[in-house]
């Protein structure tokens, strides 16, 4: 019976892919306007050299064949071209003397606001490219764009508040001083494919608005979504403030880091890659690193948990954007007395999720952008089965092309890869436990320390878990999935999960350093400072109040 179920599901998955004629007209890809473009030194140029084809996870059906289609091309830069982008940023920084780093806060805010309006004008095209390049649903693609715009606007307001708080002088022990925040220098920004716009901009925008200059290396998947916005950067900021480079990270990022010209590294990806990048810098003690890395966020479902809530949150936490989130739930610990009931409810909820193309109404499961990702997921499942686990839900693990139907795997033993490795995809590993100390031991021994979810109703039991967990992870979610947001809350992690803290206000601090002007509180010094402030001779030393 299971074999027939898998065969029927495979046929249904195959039928989910469109033919060229059945793609809705309003969602057809049209990236030709952005072919092979790059931004360097304030000018959007067409790349004359070799390029990389961009293929979509939205496969097309041609008879019995299902294949990825080419939807665009991006530059494949060599070391020389990438270094040219870096040198443009270095010139714009000019050892802190450039137009942008010396511009007033009000001036930088005005430029970011101008950029935001120009970015909004290309919303529909960016959303379409997100769907086609990474397989994100229409609703989620729109949410990613809109959340990014909201983040920019909140960042502007946070900087205004920060500047207002700093627009005063202090006098202490005969010293008069004004303390502000100044930029770090040249930043390298590298975002992930799962949120290629939002996650990149959560570091890029704070870096820019604080006065830094930036080199952006888009992710391997999700590159095209940046292309419609390049002109907005060129029109809004001085030359060299924002520069985009493309190509093999192994080929072009190493020389950039080895140059020693990068002052801040904003990277969201694997801890292994982050380690390599940091070690490539000749003066790592001078490198400010803001890193969002791996996670293996577990959930604990206690015997008194509200199973309706726990199942709903675990499904969303484990399978939002097909489980391709660092904040996703990656392993579920369920008490042995309720595990059978929980698995039954979990299976029903997972198997009810609509699977299809990003534009399908209400779709929850969509094609996976990474090459051979379904095969990698099946390998994790088979490894767990070899250790005594089984696929719980009917049809779980069935794949066709770039579609993979989620597999609930139970019982996952500590020896299975799914117990300790971040799967980053639509597989839900489940294990049972008898004592909460098993869960605490897992969290303590894990290489990662981003978040956990705890499901239960007893305040005393939850409190006893919160205290030790707060010393192991950065966020404890009670009766809720792991997640990032709202963006006013700190987003970070312990161990191999993060370095630095991102929130609206934390990010501004990450990309700046406290600097001050100080003088002995003599009449002469007070007169000098008064004249500088009254004459508005300095962008740093002033008492302007930005509303």
Protein backbone atom coordinates (compact mmCIF):
# COMPACT_ATOMS: atom_id res chain seq x y z
CA UNK A 1 0.00 0.00 0.00
CA UNK A 2 2.84 2.41 0.86
CA UNK A 3 4.39 1.79 -2.56
CA UNK A 4 1.13 2.65 -4.32
CA UNK A 5 0.82 5.79 -2.18
CA UNK A 6 4.33 6.90 -3.09
CA UNK A 7 3.69 6.22 -6.78
CA UNK A 8 0.46 8.20 -6.76
CA UNK A 9 2.11 11.07 -4.93
CA UNK A 10 5.06 11.10 -7.34
CA UNK A 11 2.62 11.38 -10.22
CA UNK A 12 0.84 14.24 -8.45
CA UNK A 13 4.14 16.01 -7.86
CA UNK A 14 5.04 15.66 -11.52
CA UNK A 15 1.68 17.09 -12.53
CA UNK A 16 2.31 20.10 -10.28
CA UNK A 17 4.98 21.43 -12.63
CA UNK A 18 3.71 23.71 -15.40
CA UNK A 19 4.15 23.54 -19.12
CA UNK A 20 5.26 26.70 -20.89
CA UNK A 21 1.62 27.30 -21.83
CA UNK A 22 0.15 26.93 -18.35
CA UNK A 23 2.31 29.53 -16.58
CA UNK A 24 0.06 32.47 -15.63
CA UNK A 25 0.93 35.45 -17.84
CA UNK A 26 1.45 37.82 -14.90
CA UNK A 27 4.09 35.54 -13.37
CA UNK A 28 6.17 34.69 -16.42
CA UNK A 29 9.87 35.43 -15.85
CA UNK A 30 11.29 38.40 -17.72
CA UNK A 31 14.79 39.09 -16.39
CA UNK A 32 16.27 40.15 -19.73
CA UNK A 33 16.25 43.80 -18.64
CA UNK A 34 18.74 42.93 -15.90
CA UNK A 35 21.00 40.53 -17.79
CA UNK A 36 24.62 40.51 -16.64
CA UNK A 37 24.39 43.84 -14.81
CA UNK A 38 26.65 44.91 -11.97
CA UNK A 39 27.08 48.06 -9.87
CA UNK A 40 30.49 49.59 -9.41
CA UNK A 41 31.59 53.10 -8.45
CA UNK A 42 28.09 54.50 -8.79
CA UNK A 43 27.39 53.18 -12.29
CA UNK A 44 25.27 50.20 -13.34
CA UNK A 45 27.18 48.47 -16.12
CA UNK A 46 26.67 45.48 -18.37
CA UNK A 47 29.27 42.82 -17.75
CA UNK A 48 31.24 42.08 -20.95
CA UNK A 49 32.93 38.92 -19.75
CA UNK A 50 31.91 35.35 -18.91
CA UNK A 51 28.63 34.76 -17.16
CA UNK A 52 26.78 32.14 -15.14
CA UNK A 53 23.40 30.76 -16.16
CA UNK A 54 20.65 31.03 -13.59
CA UNK A 55 18.26 28.11 -13.63
CA UNK A 56 14.91 28.00 -11.88
CA UNK A 57 13.71 25.30 -9.48
CA UNK A 58 10.35 25.73 -11.21
CA UNK A 59 10.80 22.93 -13.71
CA UNK A 60 8.85 22.74 -16.96
CA UNK A 61 7.03 19.66 -18.17
CA UNK A 62 7.79 18.70 -21.73
CA UNK A 63 6.00 15.43 -22.35
CA UNK A 64 7.40 12.95 -19.85
CA UNK A 65 10.43 15.14 -19.15
CA UNK A 66 10.76 17.57 -16.26
CA UNK A 67 13.70 19.95 -16.39
CA UNK A 68 14.93 23.21 -14.92
CA UNK A 69 14.89 26.16 -17.29
CA UNK A 70 17.37 28.99 -17.68
CA UNK A 71 15.81 32.27 -16.52
CA UNK A 72 18.77 34.61 -16.69
CA UNK A 73 22.49 35.22 -16.50
CA UNK A 74 24.75 36.96 -13.98
CA UNK A 75 28.38 38.04 -14.26
CA UNK A 76 31.09 35.52 -13.49
CA UNK A 77 33.81 37.87 -12.34
CA UNK A 78 37.46 37.11 -11.95
CA UNK A 79 39.69 38.32 -9.14
CA UNK A 80 40.63 41.55 -10.94
CA UNK A 81 37.02 42.60 -11.51
CA UNK A 82 36.00 41.81 -7.94
CA UNK A 83 38.96 43.74 -6.57
CA UNK A 84 37.89 46.71 -8.69
CA UNK A 85 34.61 46.71 -6.76
CA UNK A 86 36.52 46.62 -3.49
CA UNK A 87 38.78 49.48 -4.53
CA UNK A 88 35.73 51.58 -5.46
CA UNK A 89 34.48 51.13 -1.88
CA UNK A 90 37.95 51.95 -0.52
CA UNK A 91 38.05 55.18 -2.55
CA UNK A 92 34.58 56.16 -1.35
CA UNK A 93 35.70 55.56 2.24
CA UNK A 94 38.97 57.44 1.68
CA UNK A 95 40.26 56.69 5.16
CA UNK A 96 37.09 58.19 6.63
CA UNK A 97 37.40 61.42 4.64
CA UNK A 98 35.00 60.50 1.83
CA UNK A 99 31.75 62.29 1.06
CA UNK A 100 29.61 59.53 2.56
CA UNK A 101 31.41 58.86 5.87
CA UNK A 102 31.66 62.60 6.57
CA UNK A 103 28.08 63.35 5.57
CA UNK A 104 25.65 64.42 8.29
CA UNK A 105 23.28 61.84 9.73
CA UNK A 106 20.41 63.81 8.26
CA UNK A 107 22.03 63.65 4.84
CA UNK A 108 22.55 59.89 5.03
CA UNK A 109 18.96 59.39 6.18
CA UNK A 110 17.69 61.44 3.23
CA UNK A 111 19.69 59.25 0.82
CA UNK A 112 18.33 56.03 2.35
CA UNK A 113 14.77 57.36 2.17
CA UNK A 114 15.27 58.26 -1.49
CA UNK A 115 16.59 54.76 -2.13
CA UNK A 116 13.61 53.18 -0.39
CA UNK A 117 11.11 54.91 -2.63
CA UNK A 118 13.01 53.87 -5.75
CA UNK A 119 13.21 50.30 -4.44
CA UNK A 120 9.44 50.16 -3.89
CA UNK A 121 8.94 51.07 -7.56
CA UNK A 122 10.38 47.69 -8.65
CA UNK A 123 8.55 45.58 -6.06
CA UNK A 124 6.59 43.45 -8.52
CA UNK A 125 9.69 42.51 -10.52
CA UNK A 126 11.68 41.59 -7.40
CA UNK A 127 8.79 39.45 -6.12
CA UNK A 128 8.55 37.64 -9.45
CA UNK A 129 12.27 36.92 -9.45
CA UNK A 130 12.15 35.59 -5.88
CA UNK A 131 9.48 33.12 -6.95
CA UNK A 132 11.37 31.94 -10.00
CA UNK A 133 14.88 31.81 -8.61
CA UNK A 134 14.37 30.29 -5.14
CA UNK A 135 10.85 28.85 -5.41
CA UNK A 136 9.39 31.05 -2.67
CA UNK A 137 5.60 31.34 -2.72
CA UNK A 138 3.98 34.50 -4.02
CA UNK A 139 2.69 35.42 -0.56
CA UNK A 140 6.05 34.82 1.10
CA UNK A 141 7.93 36.68 -1.64
CA UNK A 142 5.70 39.69 -1.13
CA UNK A 143 6.17 39.42 2.63
CA UNK A 144 9.95 39.30 2.23
CA UNK A 145 9.97 42.47 0.14
CA UNK A 146 7.52 44.35 2.36
CA UNK A 147 9.29 43.29 5.54
CA UNK A 148 12.54 44.57 4.07
CA UNK A 149 10.99 47.95 3.36
CA UNK A 150 9.59 48.05 6.90
CA UNK A 151 13.04 47.17 8.24
CA UNK A 152 14.62 50.07 6.36
CA UNK A 153 12.05 52.53 7.67
CA UNK A 154 12.42 51.28 11.23
CA UNK A 155 16.20 51.56 10.90
CA UNK A 156 15.83 55.20 9.86
CA UNK A 157 13.66 55.92 12.90
CA UNK A 158 16.09 54.10 15.21
CA UNK A 159 19.00 56.16 13.89
CA UNK A 160 17.03 59.37 14.42
CA UNK A 161 16.41 58.35 18.02
CA UNK A 162 20.06 57.43 18.51
CA UNK A 163 21.21 60.74 17.06
CA UNK A 164 18.77 62.71 19.21
CA UNK A 165 20.11 60.99 22.32
CA UNK A 166 23.66 61.87 21.28
CA UNK A 167 22.95 65.52 20.48
CA UNK A 168 24.09 66.76 23.85
CA UNK A 169 27.31 67.50 25.67
CA UNK A 170 28.41 66.10 29.00
CA UNK A 171 30.68 67.76 31.52
CA UNK A 172 32.45 65.50 33.98
CA UNK A 173 35.58 66.10 36.08
CA UNK A 174 36.37 69.26 34.17
CA UNK A 175 36.05 67.59 30.75
CA UNK A 176 33.42 68.60 28.22
CA UNK A 177 32.58 65.91 25.66
CA UNK A 178 30.13 64.79 23.02
CA UNK A 179 29.87 61.04 22.31
CA UNK A 180 28.53 59.77 19.00
CA UNK A 181 28.85 56.71 16.79
CA UNK A 182 31.08 56.73 13.73
CA UNK A 183 31.44 54.21 10.87
CA UNK A 184 33.95 51.36 10.77
CA UNK A 185 35.13 51.60 7.17
CA UNK A 186 34.69 49.17 4.27
CA UNK A 187 32.21 46.33 4.79
CA UNK A 188 31.76 43.07 2.92
CA UNK A 189 28.11 41.93 2.93
CA UNK A 190 27.15 38.36 2.02
CA UNK A 191 23.57 37.17 2.50
CA UNK A 192 21.91 33.74 2.23
CA UNK A 193 19.76 32.27 -0.54
CA UNK A 194 16.69 31.59 1.61
CA UNK A 195 16.07 35.28 2.29
CA UNK A 196 18.32 36.84 -0.35
CA UNK A 197 16.76 40.27 -0.03
CA UNK A 198 15.70 40.59 3.60
CA UNK A 199 18.67 38.94 5.31
CA UNK A 200 21.15 40.80 3.10
CA UNK A 201 19.51 44.14 3.79
CA UNK A 202 19.39 43.60 7.55
CA UNK A 203 23.16 44.08 7.47
CA UNK A 204 23.57 46.14 4.29
CA UNK A 205 21.22 48.98 5.26
CA UNK A 206 22.60 49.50 8.80
CA UNK A 207 26.14 49.41 7.41
CA UNK A 208 25.33 52.05 4.79
CA UNK A 209 23.29 54.38 6.96
CA UNK A 210 26.01 54.48 9.63
CA UNK A 211 28.45 55.85 7.03
CA UNK A 212 30.31 52.75 5.89
CA UNK A 213 30.96 51.83 2.27
CA UNK A 214 29.99 48.34 1.16
CA UNK A 215 30.86 45.54 -1.22
CA UNK A 216 27.93 43.15 -1.71
CA UNK A 217 28.34 39.55 -2.87
CA UNK A 218 24.84 38.14 -3.54
CA UNK A 219 24.17 34.45 -2.77
CA UNK A 220 24.48 31.75 -5.42
CA UNK A 221 20.70 31.40 -5.49
CA UNK A 222 18.66 34.60 -5.31
CA UNK A 223 21.10 36.79 -7.21
CA UNK A 224 18.61 37.94 -9.83
CA UNK A 225 16.30 39.42 -7.19
CA UNK A 226 18.94 42.08 -6.49
CA UNK A 227 19.33 43.19 -10.09
CA UNK A 228 16.24 45.44 -10.45
CA UNK A 229 17.39 47.44 -7.40
CA UNK A 230 20.91 48.25 -8.63
CA UNK A 231 19.84 51.48 -10.31
CA UNK A 232 18.15 52.65 -7.11
CA UNK A 233 21.50 52.34 -5.32
CA UNK A 234 23.29 54.18 -8.12
CA UNK A 235 20.74 57.02 -8.07
CA UNK A 236 20.67 57.43 -4.29
CA UNK A 237 24.24 57.21 -2.99
CA UNK A 238 27.60 58.74 -3.88
CA UNK A 239 29.84 56.68 -6.19
CA UNK A 240 31.47 53.69 -4.52
CA UNK A 241 29.24 53.58 -1.45
CA UNK A 242 27.52 50.39 -2.68
CA UNK A 243 29.23 47.96 -5.08
CA UNK A 244 28.01 44.55 -6.26
CA UNK A 245 30.36 41.73 -7.24
CA UNK A 246 29.45 38.31 -8.64
CA UNK A 247 31.10 34.97 -9.23
CA UNK A 248 32.55 32.02 -7.39
CA UNK A 249 33.07 32.88 -3.74
CA UNK A 250 36.12 30.64 -3.61
CA UNK A 251 37.65 32.62 -6.48
CA UNK A 252 36.82 36.23 -5.64
CA UNK A 253 36.20 36.49 -1.89
CA UNK A 254 39.53 35.06 -0.79
CA UNK A 255 41.60 37.83 -2.42
CA UNK A 256 39.26 40.48 -1.03
CA UNK A 257 39.65 39.20 2.52
CA UNK A 258 43.40 38.65 2.09
CA UNK A 259 43.82 42.26 0.99
CA UNK A 260 43.19 43.39 4.57
CA UNK A 261 41.02 46.23 3.24
CA UNK A 262 37.80 44.88 4.76
CA UNK A 263 37.00 46.42 8.13
CA UNK A 264 33.69 44.64 8.77
CA UNK A 265 32.38 41.28 7.60
CA UNK A 266 28.62 40.73 7.48
CA UNK A 267 28.06 37.09 6.58
CA UNK A 268 25.04 34.81 6.84
CA UNK A 269 25.85 31.21 6.02
CA UNK A 270 27.72 28.26 7.46
CA UNK A 271 30.12 28.40 10.40
CA UNK A 272 32.64 26.48 8.30
CA UNK A 273 32.68 29.18 5.61
CA UNK A 274 32.79 31.96 8.24
CA UNK A 275 35.87 30.40 9.82
CA UNK A 276 37.64 30.32 6.46
CA UNK A 277 36.73 33.95 5.71
CA UNK A 278 37.95 35.25 9.06
CA UNK A 279 41.22 33.33 8.85
CA UNK A 280 41.90 34.81 5.40
CA UNK A 281 42.10 38.32 6.83
CA UNK A 282 45.72 39.24 7.61
CA UNK A 283 44.68 41.25 10.70
CA UNK A 284 41.67 39.42 12.15
CA UNK A 285 41.86 41.44 15.36
CA UNK A 286 40.92 44.49 13.30
CA UNK A 287 37.96 42.78 11.60
CA UNK A 288 34.49 43.39 13.02
CA UNK A 289 32.41 40.28 12.29
CA UNK A 290 28.63 40.12 12.25
CA UNK A 291 27.71 36.52 11.55
CA UNK A 292 24.46 34.55 11.31
CA UNK A 293 25.40 30.89 11.08
CA UNK A 294 24.14 27.32 11.53
CA UNK A 295 21.44 26.21 13.94
CA UNK A 296 19.85 22.98 15.10
CA UNK A 297 16.89 24.41 16.97
CA UNK A 298 15.04 21.71 18.95
CA UNK A 299 11.52 21.65 20.35
CA UNK A 300 10.43 20.01 23.60
CA UNK A 301 6.83 18.77 23.71
CA UNK A 302 6.00 17.96 27.33
CA UNK A 303 3.25 15.53 28.38
CA UNK A 304 0.85 18.31 29.37
CA UNK A 305 1.31 20.29 26.15
CA UNK A 306 -1.68 21.49 24.16
CA UNK A 307 -1.15 19.19 21.19
CA UNK A 308 -3.19 21.31 18.80
CA UNK A 309 -0.90 24.26 19.50
CA UNK A 310 2.26 22.15 19.53
CA UNK A 311 1.47 20.45 16.21
CA UNK A 312 0.50 23.71 14.50
CA UNK A 313 3.64 25.50 15.65
CA UNK A 314 5.93 22.55 14.92
CA UNK A 315 4.60 22.20 11.38
CA UNK A 316 5.07 25.90 10.71
CA UNK A 317 8.43 25.98 12.48
CA UNK A 318 9.78 22.94 10.65
CA UNK A 319 8.35 23.54 7.17
CA UNK A 320 8.01 27.27 6.50
CA UNK A 321 9.75 27.83 3.18
CA UNK A 322 10.29 24.08 3.01
CA UNK A 323 12.35 24.05 6.21
CA UNK A 324 15.01 26.26 4.63
CA UNK A 325 15.41 28.65 7.58
CA UNK A 326 18.16 28.86 10.17
CA UNK A 327 15.40 29.59 12.69
CA UNK A 328 13.45 26.48 11.68
CA UNK A 329 12.73 23.66 14.10
CA UNK A 330 15.19 20.89 13.23
CA UNK A 331 14.50 18.20 15.87
CA UNK A 332 11.44 17.44 18.00
CA UNK A 333 11.68 15.84 21.46
CA UNK A 334 8.26 14.44 22.40
CA UNK A 335 7.46 12.81 25.73
CA UNK A 336 7.11 9.04 25.44
CA UNK A 337 3.58 9.03 26.87
CA UNK A 338 2.18 11.23 24.09
CA UNK A 339 4.51 10.55 21.17
CA UNK A 340 2.11 8.23 19.31
CA UNK A 341 -0.76 10.71 19.51
CA UNK A 342 1.53 13.56 18.57
CA UNK A 343 2.87 11.72 15.51
CA UNK A 344 -0.64 10.91 14.34
CA UNK A 345 -1.69 14.55 14.54
CA UNK A 346 1.61 15.76 13.07
CA UNK A 347 1.29 13.40 10.09
CA UNK A 348 -2.26 14.54 9.37
CA UNK A 349 -1.20 18.19 9.48
CA UNK A 350 1.86 17.71 7.27
CA UNK A 351 0.01 15.64 4.68
CA UNK A 352 -2.68 18.31 4.44
CA UNK A 353 -0.17 20.96 3.30
CA UNK A 354 -0.72 22.04 -0.31
CA UNK A 355 2.27 21.43 -2.57
CA UNK A 356 2.75 23.13 -5.91
CA UNK A 357 4.13 26.16 -7.71
CA UNK A 358 4.84 29.50 -5.99
CA UNK A 359 1.87 31.25 -7.61
CA UNK A 360 -0.65 28.57 -6.59
CA UNK A 361 -3.13 29.98 -4.12
CA UNK A 362 -2.49 28.84 -0.55
CA UNK A 363 0.57 26.75 -1.49
CA UNK A 364 2.84 25.82 1.43
CA UNK A 365 5.40 23.48 -0.15
CA UNK A 366 7.31 24.58 -3.24
CA UNK A 367 10.33 23.55 -5.37
CA UNK A 368 13.76 23.46 -3.73
CA UNK A 369 16.34 25.77 -5.38
CA UNK A 370 19.57 23.95 -4.52
CA UNK A 371 20.79 21.37 -6.99
CA UNK A 372 20.29 17.76 -5.83
CA UNK A 373 18.56 18.92 -2.62
CA UNK A 374 15.84 16.21 -2.78
CA UNK A 375 18.58 13.58 -3.00
CA UNK A 376 20.35 15.05 0.02
CA UNK A 377 17.11 14.94 2.02
CA UNK A 378 16.53 11.31 1.02
CA UNK A 379 20.06 10.46 2.14
CA UNK A 380 19.37 11.88 5.62
CA UNK A 381 16.17 9.85 5.80
CA UNK A 382 17.84 6.62 4.70
CA UNK A 383 20.65 7.13 7.22
CA UNK A 384 18.07 7.41 10.01
CA UNK A 385 16.16 4.37 8.73
CA UNK A 386 19.41 2.43 8.85
CA UNK A 387 19.53 3.22 12.57
CA UNK A 388 16.03 1.92 13.25
CA UNK A 389 13.81 4.86 12.31
CA UNK A 390 10.87 4.85 9.89
CA UNK A 391 8.94 7.34 7.80
CA UNK A 392 5.75 8.02 9.72
CA UNK A 393 3.60 9.93 7.24
CA UNK A 394 2.25 8.34 4.08
CA UNK A 395 4.25 9.42 1.05
CA UNK A 396 6.89 11.15 3.14
CA UNK A 397 10.20 11.49 1.32
CA UNK A 398 8.68 11.15 -2.16
CA UNK A 399 10.50 13.33 -4.67
CA UNK A 400 10.00 14.44 -8.25
CA UNK A 401 12.32 16.93 -9.89
CA UNK A 402 12.82 19.76 -7.41
CA UNK A 403 9.77 18.89 -5.30
CA UNK A 404 10.18 16.86 -2.11
CA UNK A 405 7.25 15.84 0.04
CA UNK A 406 8.11 16.28 3.75
CA UNK A 407 9.15 13.20 5.68
CA UNK A 408 8.45 12.74 9.39
CA UNK A 409 11.15 10.39 10.66
CA UNK A 410 10.84 8.53 13.99
CA UNK A 411 12.49 7.39 16.21
CA UNK A 412 15.71 9.23 15.36
CA UNK A 413 18.63 7.92 17.37
CA UNK A 414 21.56 10.03 18.60
CA UNK A 415 23.77 8.25 16.05
CA UNK A 416 21.70 9.43 13.08
CA UNK A 417 22.82 12.48 11.14
CA UNK A 418 19.38 14.02 11.59
CA UNK A 419 19.99 14.13 15.34
CA UNK A 420 22.92 16.56 15.15
CA UNK A 421 23.29 17.86 11.58
CA UNK A 422 21.22 20.79 10.35
CA UNK A 423 19.17 19.33 7.50
CA UNK A 424 17.91 22.70 6.19
CA UNK A 425 15.04 21.15 4.31
CA UNK A 426 11.62 19.44 4.57
CA UNK A 427 12.49 16.56 6.90
CA UNK A 428 11.10 16.48 10.45
CA UNK A 429 13.12 14.24 12.80
CA UNK A 430 11.34 13.17 15.99
CA UNK A 431 12.64 11.35 19.05
CA UNK A 432 10.93 10.47 22.33
CA UNK A 433 12.22 11.28 25.78
CA UNK A 434 11.45 10.27 29.35
CA UNK A 435 13.23 12.95 31.36
CA UNK A 436 13.65 16.65 30.47
CA UNK A 437 17.31 16.29 31.35
CA UNK A 438 17.75 14.46 28.03
CA UNK A 439 16.64 17.62 26.23
CA UNK A 440 18.86 19.86 28.34
CA UNK A 441 21.82 17.57 27.67
CA UNK A 442 21.19 17.73 23.92
CA UNK A 443 21.12 21.53 23.99
CA UNK A 444 24.27 21.72 26.12
CA UNK A 445 26.23 19.31 23.92
CA UNK A 446 25.08 20.78 20.61
CA UNK A 447 27.53 22.84 18.57
CA UNK A 448 24.76 25.38 18.09
CA UNK A 449 22.90 27.71 20.39
CA UNK A 450 20.37 29.84 18.57
CA UNK A 451 16.86 29.02 19.88
CA UNK A 452 14.59 26.39 21.38
CA UNK A 453 10.82 25.92 21.62
CA UNK A 454 9.14 24.56 24.74
CA UNK A 455 5.53 23.33 24.69
CA UNK A 456 3.73 22.77 27.98
CA UNK A 457 1.24 24.23 30.48
CA UNK A 458 2.93 23.91 33.87
CA UNK A 459 4.57 27.27 34.81
CA UNK A 460 6.88 25.69 37.38
CA UNK A 461 8.21 23.06 34.96
CA UNK A 462 8.69 25.63 32.22
CA UNK A 463 10.48 27.98 34.63
CA UNK A 464 12.92 25.21 35.61
CA UNK A 465 13.76 24.78 31.94
CA UNK A 466 14.03 28.47 31.14
CA UNK A 467 16.82 29.17 33.62
CA UNK A 468 19.41 26.69 32.27
CA UNK A 469 18.30 27.16 28.65
CA UNK A 470 18.87 30.92 28.86
CA UNK A 471 22.55 30.12 29.39
CA UNK A 472 22.72 27.91 26.31
CA UNK A 473 20.62 29.64 23.62
CA UNK A 474 19.67 33.20 22.76
CA UNK A 475 15.90 32.81 22.58
CA UNK A 476 13.41 30.51 24.32
CA UNK A 477 10.00 30.31 22.66
CA UNK A 478 7.18 29.19 24.93
CA UNK A 479 4.37 27.41 23.07
CA UNK A 480 5.58 28.95 19.82
CA UNK A 481 7.88 28.10 16.94
CA UNK A 482 11.42 29.40 16.71
CA UNK A 483 11.58 32.56 14.65
CA UNK A 484 13.23 35.86 13.95
CA UNK A 485 11.19 38.91 14.78
CA UNK A 486 9.80 41.26 15.45
CA UNK A 487 12.93 43.03 14.24
CA UNK A 488 13.05 45.22 17.33
CA UNK A 489 14.06 42.12 19.35
CA UNK A 490 17.69 40.91 19.40
CA UNK A 491 18.56 38.15 16.96
CA UNK A 492 21.75 36.29 17.77
CA UNK A 493 23.07 32.94 18.94
CA UNK A 494 25.69 31.18 21.03
CA UNK A 495 28.49 28.80 20.07
CA UNK A 496 28.61 28.16 16.29
CA UNK A 497 25.30 29.91 15.59
CA UNK A 498 26.23 33.59 15.51
CA UNK A 499 28.66 36.38 16.26
CA UNK A 500 27.22 39.78 17.00
CA UNK A 501 23.59 40.73 17.57
CA UNK A 502 21.10 41.96 15.02
CA UNK A 503 17.97 43.93 15.76
CA UNK A 504 17.01 47.35 14.47
CA UNK A 505 19.09 49.16 17.10
CA UNK A 506 21.73 46.45 17.66
CA UNK A 507 22.63 46.43 13.96
CA UNK A 508 23.36 50.16 14.02
CA UNK A 509 25.78 49.55 16.87
CA UNK A 510 27.35 46.56 15.09
CA UNK A 511 28.38 48.69 12.14
CA UNK A 512 29.72 51.62 14.13
CA UNK A 513 31.97 52.48 17.03
CA UNK A 514 31.64 55.04 19.80
CA UNK A 515 33.75 58.12 19.12
CA UNK A 516 33.90 61.38 21.03
CA UNK A 517 35.21 64.90 20.98
CA UNK A 518 36.56 66.04 24.35
CA UNK A 519 38.22 69.16 25.74
CA UNK A 520 39.10 70.70 29.06
CA UNK A 521 36.17 72.80 30.19
CA UNK A 522 38.02 76.08 29.86
CA UNK A 523 36.52 79.25 28.48
CA UNK A 524 38.64 78.98 25.35
CA UNK A 525 37.54 75.39 24.67
CA UNK A 526 33.91 76.21 25.30
CA UNK A 527 34.13 79.15 22.89
CA UNK A 528 35.68 76.97 20.16
CA UNK A 529 33.07 74.27 20.54
CA UNK A 530 30.27 76.85 20.66
CA UNK A 531 31.47 78.43 17.41
CA UNK A 532 31.74 75.03 15.67
CA UNK A 533 28.23 74.09 16.73
CA UNK A 534 26.64 77.49 16.06
CA UNK A 535 28.25 77.73 12.63
CA UNK A 536 27.36 74.13 11.72
CA UNK A 537 30.96 73.56 10.69
CA UNK A 538 31.00 69.85 11.63
CA UNK A 539 28.81 66.87 10.75
CA UNK A 540 30.02 65.06 13.88
CA UNK A 541 30.10 67.84 16.47
CA UNK A 542 26.63 69.37 16.52
CA UNK A 543 23.40 69.64 18.49
CA UNK A 544 20.93 69.31 15.62
CA UNK A 545 17.72 67.50 16.55
CA UNK A 546 16.41 65.28 13.75
CA UNK A 547 12.63 64.83 13.79
